[in-house]
Amino acid sequence: NTSNWEFCGQVLRQRGDKLYFQVHNTIKLGDDIEIIGPNYDIIKISLGELFAAEDGTKLTEAHGGGGRQVAFVRLKKGLSIPVFAVLRRRIKK
C-alpha cells in the first residue's frame, strides 16, 4: 500500500500565531498540510507562507535531513497546537 501523505515535521513550540516546527522532509509553498495532535485532532492548512525560524526570512521551501532546519508558519488566531504534534503533507501525484 502507498500513502497519500508524507511526514514532514514536528511542532517545537507556538508563540502567538507563529507555529515553529522541525522540518523532517521537504515542504513547499502551496502544499496541503495537516497538523495532527496527540488525540488525533487534525487541522488542515494550505501553506501560503513559510518562514525561517532563525531570522524570519520568507522561504519557498524548507528541507529536513542533516540541516535540521526549523521553520514557522502563521496560524489563524485562536488556534492552539500542542508541542510534539506532527505535520504531514499531501503527496502530489
Protein backbone atom coordinates (compact mmCIF):
# COMPACT_ATOMS: atom_id res chain seq x y z
CA ASN A 1 0.00 0.00 0.00
CA THR A 2 1.09 3.55 -0.66
CA SER A 3 0.08 6.58 1.32
CA ASN A 4 -1.14 9.91 0.01
CA TRP A 5 0.67 11.66 2.88
CA GLU A 6 4.29 12.18 3.96
CA PHE A 7 5.51 13.11 7.45
CA CYS A 8 7.25 16.49 7.11
CA GLY A 9 7.72 17.98 10.57
CA GLN A 10 7.23 18.07 14.33
CA VAL A 11 5.96 21.02 16.36
CA LEU A 12 8.53 22.55 18.70
CA ARG A 13 6.55 25.48 20.12
CA GLN A 14 3.92 28.09 19.45
CA ARG A 15 4.38 31.81 20.12
CA GLY A 16 1.16 33.71 19.45
CA ASP A 17 0.16 32.96 15.87
CA LYS A 18 3.60 31.54 14.95
CA LEU A 19 3.95 27.75 14.91
CA TYR A 20 7.60 26.63 14.96
CA PHE A 21 8.45 23.16 13.72
CA GLN A 22 11.44 20.95 12.99
CA VAL A 23 11.47 20.14 9.28
CA HIS A 24 11.98 16.43 8.56
CA ASN A 25 11.08 16.18 4.85
CA THR A 26 10.72 18.79 2.13
CA ILE A 27 7.80 21.18 2.46
CA LYS A 28 6.89 23.80 -0.17
CA LEU A 29 4.57 26.75 -0.60
CA GLY A 30 1.20 25.56 -1.86
CA ASP A 31 1.43 22.18 -0.08
CA ASP A 32 -1.70 20.92 1.65
CA ILE A 33 -0.69 20.33 5.26
CA GLU A 34 -2.36 18.52 8.14
CA ILE A 35 -1.28 19.13 11.71
CA ILE A 36 -2.12 16.11 13.83
CA GLY A 37 -2.34 16.47 17.61
CA PRO A 38 -1.82 13.76 20.22
CA ASN A 39 -5.57 12.99 20.34
CA TYR A 40 -5.66 12.74 16.53
CA ASP A 41 -7.19 16.21 16.21
CA ILE A 42 -6.48 17.29 12.63
CA ILE A 43 -6.07 20.89 11.50
CA LYS A 44 -5.84 21.41 7.74
CA ILE A 45 -3.94 24.32 6.22
CA SER A 46 -2.68 25.28 2.79
CA LEU A 47 0.88 26.51 3.02
CA GLY A 48 0.65 30.12 1.81
CA GLU A 49 3.64 31.45 3.75
CA LEU A 50 6.71 29.81 5.25
CA PHE A 51 9.49 31.46 7.25
CA ALA A 52 12.97 30.56 8.52
CA ALA A 53 12.92 30.48 12.33
CA GLU A 54 16.38 31.96 12.82
CA ASP A 55 15.76 35.26 11.04
CA GLY A 56 12.15 35.33 9.79
CA THR A 57 13.06 35.40 6.10
CA LYS A 58 10.38 34.14 3.73
CA LEU A 59 11.02 30.72 2.23
CA THR A 60 9.59 29.00 -0.82
CA GLU A 61 10.54 25.61 0.61
CA ALA A 62 12.25 24.04 3.61
CA HIS A 63 14.24 20.82 3.82
CA GLY A 64 14.86 18.30 6.57
CA GLY A 65 17.77 15.93 6.75
CA GLY A 66 21.20 16.90 8.02
CA GLY A 67 20.44 20.63 8.10
CA ARG A 68 17.95 20.27 10.94
CA GLN A 69 16.05 23.30 9.63
CA VAL A 70 13.48 24.96 11.86
CA ALA A 71 10.71 26.95 10.19
CA PHE A 72 7.47 28.61 11.21
CA VAL A 73 4.03 29.26 9.74
CA ARG A 74 1.38 31.71 10.85
CA LEU A 75 -1.89 30.27 12.11
CA LYS A 76 -5.36 31.72 12.36
CA LYS A 77 -5.95 33.45 15.68
CA GLY A 78 -7.34 31.22 18.38
CA LEU A 79 -5.65 28.01 17.24
CA SER A 80 -3.55 26.26 19.85
CA ILE A 81 -1.25 23.45 18.73
CA PRO A 82 0.48 21.23 21.29
CA VAL A 83 4.22 20.55 21.29
CA PHE A 84 5.11 17.28 19.52
CA ALA A 85 2.10 17.45 17.18
CA VAL A 86 3.19 16.29 13.73
CA LEU A 87 2.85 17.82 10.28
CA ARG A 88 2.24 15.84 7.15
CA ARG A 89 1.87 16.97 3.56
CA ARG A 90 -0.29 15.58 0.80
CA ILE A 91 1.82 13.90 -1.85
CA LYS A 92 1.05 15.36 -5.26
CA LYS A 93 0.83 12.70 -7.92
